[in-house]
C-alpha atoms as a PDB file:
ATOM      1  CA  MET A   1       3.784  27.848 -31.164  1.00  0.00           C
ATOM      2  CA  THR A   2       2.128  26.228 -33.781  1.00  0.00           C
ATOM      3  CA  GLN A   3      -1.558  24.345 -33.581  1.00  0.00           C
ATOM      4  CA  SER A   4       0.609  21.100 -33.815  1.00  0.00           C
ATOM      5  CA  SER A   5       3.150  21.881 -31.595  1.00  0.00           C
ATOM      6  CA  LEU A   6      -0.004  22.377 -28.919  1.00  0.00           C
ATOM      7  CA  LYS A   7      -1.567  18.999 -29.940  1.00  0.00           C
ATOM      8  CA  ILE A   8       1.150  17.520 -28.852  1.00  0.00           C
ATOM      9  CA  GLY A   9       2.134  19.602 -25.998  1.00  0.00           C
ATOM     10  CA  VAL A  10      -1.955  18.925 -24.271  1.00  0.00           C
ATOM     11  CA  ALA A  11      -0.923  15.280 -25.339  1.00  0.00           C
ATOM     12  CA  ALA A  12       1.824  15.063 -23.299  1.00  0.00           C
ATOM     13  CA  ALA A  13       0.459  16.862 -20.596  1.00  0.00           C
ATOM     14  CA  CYS A  14      -2.576  14.443 -20.775  1.00  0.00           C
ATOM     15  CA  LEU A  15      -0.070  11.224 -19.959  1.00  0.00           C
ATOM     16  CA  VAL A  16       1.774  12.629 -17.345  1.00  0.00           C
ATOM     17  CA  THR A  17      -1.961  13.125 -15.343  1.00  0.00           C
ATOM     18  CA  VAL A  18      -2.892   9.335 -15.944  1.00  0.00           C
ATOM     19  CA  ALA A  19       0.653   8.340 -14.968  1.00  0.00           C
ATOM     20  CA  ALA A  20       1.027  10.057 -11.916  1.00  0.00           C
ATOM     21  CA  CYS A  21      -3.234   8.670 -11.062  1.00  0.00           C
ATOM     22  CA  ALA A  22      -2.285   5.476 -11.773  1.00  0.00           C
ATOM     23  CA  PRO A  23      -1.123   2.933  -8.772  1.00  0.00           C
ATOM     24  CA  ASP A  24       2.132   2.021  -8.819  1.00  0.00           C
ATOM     25  CA  ARG A  25       2.240  -1.479  -9.199  1.00  0.00           C
ATOM     26  CA  THR A  26       4.642  -4.262  -9.345  1.00  0.00           C
ATOM     27  CA  PRO A  27       4.537  -7.184 -11.408  1.00  0.00           C
ATOM     28  CA  SER A  28       4.522  -9.451  -8.226  1.00  0.00           C
ATOM     29  CA  ASP A  29       1.214  -7.224  -6.703  1.00  0.00           C
ATOM     30  CA  GLU A  30      -0.474  -8.017 -10.114  1.00  0.00           C
ATOM     31  CA  ALA A  31       0.457 -11.907  -9.803  1.00  0.00           C
ATOM     32  CA  TYR A  32      -1.730 -11.870  -6.637  1.00  0.00           C
ATOM     33  CA  GLU A  33      -5.819 -12.268  -5.975  1.00  0.00           C
ATOM     34  CA  GLY A  34      -7.303 -12.720  -2.772  1.00  0.00           C
ATOM     35  CA  ALA A  35      -6.471 -11.047   0.540  1.00  0.00           C
ATOM     36  CA  ASP A  36      -4.480  -7.750  -0.298  1.00  0.00           C
ATOM     37  CA  THR A  37      -1.482  -8.609   3.091  1.00  0.00           C
ATOM     38  CA  LEU A  38      -1.177 -12.618   2.505  1.00  0.00           C
ATOM     39  CA  ARG A  39       1.703 -13.428   0.020  1.00  0.00           C
ATOM     40  CA  ILE A  40       3.733 -16.276  -0.269  1.00  0.00           C
ATOM     41  CA  GLU A  41       7.336 -14.933  -0.268  1.00  0.00           C
ATOM     42  CA  ALA A  42       9.893 -15.420  -1.684  1.00  0.00           C
ATOM     43  CA  LEU A  43      12.369 -18.421  -0.673  1.00  0.00           C
ATOM     44  CA  THR A  44      16.207 -17.117   0.341  1.00  0.00           C
ATOM     45  CA  ASP A  45      18.988 -19.084  -0.101  1.00  0.00           C
ATOM     46  CA  ALA A  46      19.470 -19.824   3.191  1.00  0.00           C
ATOM     47  CA  ASP A  47      15.529 -21.388   3.091  1.00  0.00           C
ATOM     48  CA  ARG A  48      16.478 -23.254   0.546  1.00  0.00           C
ATOM     49  CA  SER A  49      20.063 -25.303   1.612  1.00  0.00           C
ATOM     50  CA  SER A  50      18.511 -25.463   5.145  1.00  0.00           C
ATOM     51  CA  ALA A  51      15.243 -27.290   3.770  1.00  0.00           C
ATOM     52  CA  ASN A  52      16.899 -30.871   3.463  1.00  0.00           C
ATOM     53  CA  LEU A  53      14.604 -31.699   0.912  1.00  0.00           C
ATOM     54  CA  ARG A  54      14.555 -35.571  -0.176  1.00  0.00           C
ATOM     55  CA  GLY A  55      14.225 -36.520  -3.663  1.00  0.00           C
ATOM     56  CA  GLU A  56      16.005 -36.822  -6.690  1.00  0.00           C
ATOM     57  CA  LEU A  57      13.522 -34.831  -8.827  1.00  0.00           C
ATOM     58  CA  GLY A  58      12.431 -31.360  -7.848  1.00  0.00           C
ATOM     59  CA  CYS A  59       9.652 -28.540  -9.045  1.00  0.00           C
ATOM     60  CA  SER A  60       9.703 -24.548  -8.268  1.00  0.00           C
ATOM     61  CA  PHE A  61       7.341 -22.194  -8.460  1.00  0.00           C
ATOM     62  CA  THR A  62       7.872 -18.920  -9.477  1.00  0.00           C
ATOM     63  CA  ILE A  63       6.191 -14.907  -9.336  1.00  0.00           C
ATOM     64  CA  GLU A  64       7.606 -13.277 -11.807  1.00  0.00           C
ATOM     65  CA  GLY A  65       9.140 -10.139 -10.110  1.00  0.00           C
ATOM     66  CA  THR A  66       9.204 -11.995  -6.602  1.00  0.00           C
ATOM     67  CA  GLY A  67      10.978 -14.742  -7.224  1.00  0.00           C
ATOM     68  CA  THR A  68      11.228 -18.744  -6.513  1.00  0.00           C
ATOM     69  CA  VAL A  69       8.233 -18.982  -3.998  1.00  0.00           C
ATOM     70  CA  LEU A  70       7.445 -22.853  -3.678  1.00  0.00           C
ATOM     71  CA  LEU A  71      10.419 -25.745  -3.999  1.00  0.00           C
ATOM     72  CA  ALA A  72       9.293 -28.907  -3.684  1.00  0.00           C
ATOM     73  CA  MET A  73      11.506 -32.218  -3.849  1.00  0.00           C
ATOM     74  CA  GLY A  74      10.175 -36.066  -4.618  1.00  0.00           C
ATOM     75  CA  PHE A  75      11.435 -39.861  -5.662  1.00  0.00           C
ATOM     76  CA  VAL A  76      11.262 -40.512  -9.377  1.00  0.00           C
ATOM     77  CA  GLY A  77       8.261 -43.870  -9.433  1.00  0.00           C
ATOM     78  CA  ASP A  78       7.687 -44.453  -5.729  1.00  0.00           C
ATOM     79  CA  ASN A  79       4.962 -43.177  -3.277  1.00  0.00           C
ATOM     80  CA  THR A  80       6.607 -41.927  -0.484  1.00  0.00           C
ATOM     81  CA  PRO A  81       5.168 -38.245  -0.449  1.00  0.00           C
ATOM     82  CA  ALA A  82       7.235 -35.484  -1.409  1.00  0.00           C
ATOM     83  CA  GLU A  83       8.486 -32.602   0.270  1.00  0.00           C
ATOM     84  CA  ALA A  84       8.390 -28.785  -0.411  1.00  0.00           C
ATOM     85  CA  ILE A  85       8.844 -25.634   1.110  1.00  0.00           C
ATOM     86  CA  VAL A  86       7.102 -21.800   1.590  1.00  0.00           C
ATOM     87  CA  ARG A  87       7.457 -18.835   3.194  1.00  0.00           C
ATOM     88  CA  VAL A  88       4.184 -16.870   4.587  1.00  0.00           C
ATOM     89  CA  ALA A  89       5.064 -13.845   6.542  1.00  0.00           C
ATOM     90  CA  GLY A  90       8.368 -14.278   7.859  1.00  0.00           C
ATOM     91  CA  GLN A  91       7.923 -17.795   8.342  1.00  0.00           C
ATOM     92  CA  VAL A  92       9.546 -20.921   6.399  1.00  0.00           C
ATOM     93  CA  GLN A  93       6.387 -23.719   5.757  1.00  0.00           C
ATOM     94  CA  ARG A  94       7.572 -27.329   5.586  1.00  0.00           C
ATOM     95  CA  LEU A  95       5.254 -29.073   3.997  1.00  0.00           C
ATOM     96  CA  SER A  96       4.450 -32.863   2.282  1.00  0.00           C
ATOM     97  CA  SER A  97       2.111 -34.226  -0.922  1.00  0.00           C
ATOM     98  CA  ASP A  98      -1.229 -36.031  -0.059  1.00  0.00           C
ATOM     99  CA  ASP A  99       0.028 -38.410  -3.051  1.00  0.00           C
ATOM    100  CA  GLY A 100       3.088 -40.024  -4.361  1.00  0.00           C
ATOM    101  CA  GLY A 101       6.791 -38.684  -5.166  1.00  0.00           C
ATOM    102  CA  TYR A 102       7.844 -36.554  -7.692  1.00  0.00           C
ATOM    103  CA  ASP A 103       5.721 -38.357 -10.884  1.00  0.00           C
ATOM    104  CA  ASP A 104       2.556 -36.559  -9.127  1.00  0.00           C
ATOM    105  CA  LEU A 105       3.938 -33.224  -8.959  1.00  0.00           C
ATOM    106  CA  LEU A 106       4.157 -32.395 -12.760  1.00  0.00           C
ATOM    107  CA  ASP A 107       0.864 -31.197 -13.480  1.00  0.00           C
ATOM    108  CA  ASP A 108      -0.913 -30.477 -10.940  1.00  0.00           C
ATOM    109  CA  ALA A 109       0.666 -30.700  -6.697  1.00  0.00           C
ATOM    110  CA  GLU A 110      -1.043 -30.731  -2.908  1.00  0.00           C
ATOM    111  CA  PHE A 111       0.991 -30.068  -0.370  1.00  0.00           C
ATOM    112  CA  GLU A 112      -0.308 -29.959   3.822  1.00  0.00           C
ATOM    113  CA  ASN A 113       1.875 -29.577   6.456  1.00  0.00           C
ATOM    114  CA  ALA A 114       0.596 -30.273  10.817  1.00  0.00           C
ATOM    115  CA  ALA A 115      -0.083 -26.510  11.110  1.00  0.00           C
ATOM    116  CA  GLY A 116      -3.184 -26.307   8.626  1.00  0.00           C
ATOM    117  CA  TYR A 117      -1.548 -25.035   6.206  1.00  0.00           C
ATOM    118  CA  GLU A 118      -2.370 -26.331   2.225  1.00  0.00           C
ATOM    119  CA  VAL A 119      -0.907 -25.343  -1.337  1.00  0.00           C
ATOM    120  CA  GLU A 120      -1.948 -26.277  -4.778  1.00  0.00           C
ATOM    121  CA  VAL A 121      -0.326 -26.026  -7.673  1.00  0.00           C
ATOM    122  CA  GLU A 122      -2.422 -26.747 -10.940  1.00  0.00           C
ATOM    123  CA  ARG A 123      -0.466 -25.953 -14.647  1.00  0.00           C
ATOM    124  CA  THR A 124      -3.326 -23.508 -16.333  1.00  0.00           C
ATOM    125  CA  SER A 125      -1.639 -24.479 -19.695  1.00  0.00           C
ATOM    126  CA  ASP A 126       0.235 -27.984 -21.693  1.00  0.00           C
ATOM    127  CA  GLU A 127       2.007 -25.502 -23.635  1.00  0.00           C
ATOM    128  CA  PRO A 128       5.394 -24.722 -21.966  1.00  0.00           C
ATOM    129  CA  VAL A 129       6.453 -21.078 -21.607  1.00  0.00           C
ATOM    130  CA  GLY A 130      10.566 -22.125 -23.441  1.00  0.00           C
ATOM    131  CA  GLY A 131      12.073 -25.083 -24.725  1.00  0.00           C
ATOM    132  CA  GLY A 132      14.987 -27.504 -23.448  1.00  0.00           C
ATOM    133  CA  GLU A 133      14.528 -30.638 -21.037  1.00  0.00           C
ATOM    134  CA  SER A 134      12.870 -29.132 -18.195  1.00  0.00           C
ATOM    135  CA  PRO A 135      10.864 -26.250 -19.060  1.00  0.00           C
ATOM    136  CA  PRO A 136       8.333 -24.020 -17.151  1.00  0.00           C
ATOM    137  CA  TYR A 137       4.448 -23.699 -17.894  1.00  0.00           C
ATOM    138  CA  PRO A 138       1.874 -21.688 -16.840  1.00  0.00           C
ATOM    139  CA  ALA A 139       0.668 -22.019 -13.489  1.00  0.00           C
ATOM    140  CA  ARG A 140      -1.494 -20.999 -10.125  1.00  0.00           C
ATOM    141  CA  ILE A 141      -0.529 -21.156  -6.691  1.00  0.00           C
ATOM    142  CA  SER A 142      -3.041 -21.323  -4.001  1.00  0.00           C
ATOM    143  CA  LEU A 143      -2.008 -20.777  -0.259  1.00  0.00           C
ATOM    144  CA  GLU A 144      -4.915 -21.478   2.950  1.00  0.00           C
ATOM    145  CA  THR A 145      -3.493 -20.567   6.186  1.00  0.00           C
ATOM    146  CA  PRO A 146      -4.643 -22.454   9.262  1.00  0.00           C
ATOM    147  CA  ASP A 147      -7.062 -18.833   9.992  1.00  0.00           C
ATOM    148  CA  GLY A 148      -8.644 -19.753   6.143  1.00  0.00           C
ATOM    149  CA  ASP A 149      -6.861 -16.576   4.813  1.00  0.00           C
ATOM    150  CA  GLU A 150      -6.231 -16.714   1.527  1.00  0.00           C
ATOM    151  CA  ALA A 151      -3.822 -15.830  -1.253  1.00  0.00           C
ATOM    152  CA  ASN A 152      -3.258 -17.135  -5.584  1.00  0.00           C
ATOM    153  CA  ALA A 153      -0.738 -16.277  -7.663  1.00  0.00           C
ATOM    154  CA  ASP A 154       0.059 -16.814 -11.309  1.00  0.00           C
ATOM    155  CA  GLY A 155       3.496 -17.934 -12.303  1.00  0.00           C
ATOM    156  CA  LEU A 156       5.435 -20.488 -13.759  1.00  0.00           C
ATOM    157  CA  TRP A 157       6.057 -24.534 -12.413  1.00  0.00           C
ATOM    158  CA  THR A 158       9.229 -25.930 -14.148  1.00  0.00           C
ATOM    159  CA  CYS A 159       9.823 -29.227 -12.635  1.00  0.00           C
ATOM    160  CA  GLY A 160      13.087 -31.329 -13.486  1.00  0.00           C
ATOM    161  CA  PRO A 161      17.000 -31.979 -13.048  1.00  0.00           C
END
């Protein structure tokens, strides 16, 4: 065995050792901060179709590796609160916005319900990630449960038709 072959073999063994010791994290784990067990879960097709959210246009929050975790709808040019759904601990929570309709969802949005769940979405950049009529923007979602548990995650906020 030549000296260069030996160096390559040792380097490969070191990489295998480091990879074996690194935690196995999915993109959705890396997106979260805060509580270890509280997760905002992906909405199912059944969740979305049975929600019957009222509104002309909507917004969604998507976490890479998880999927769409919040769906909101509102009326354009109307002060009727927008409606939203989010899934937490296996249960869909129906929420409404603090302010007006769709127009108030575009940059930042706050939702709550009578059970005590609070959700806030805040765009973290004015630069869209893609193009088109309704490009997604980098954003952060924050959830607080009635018990005071919190979860925060980075993702994409997309609003439009």
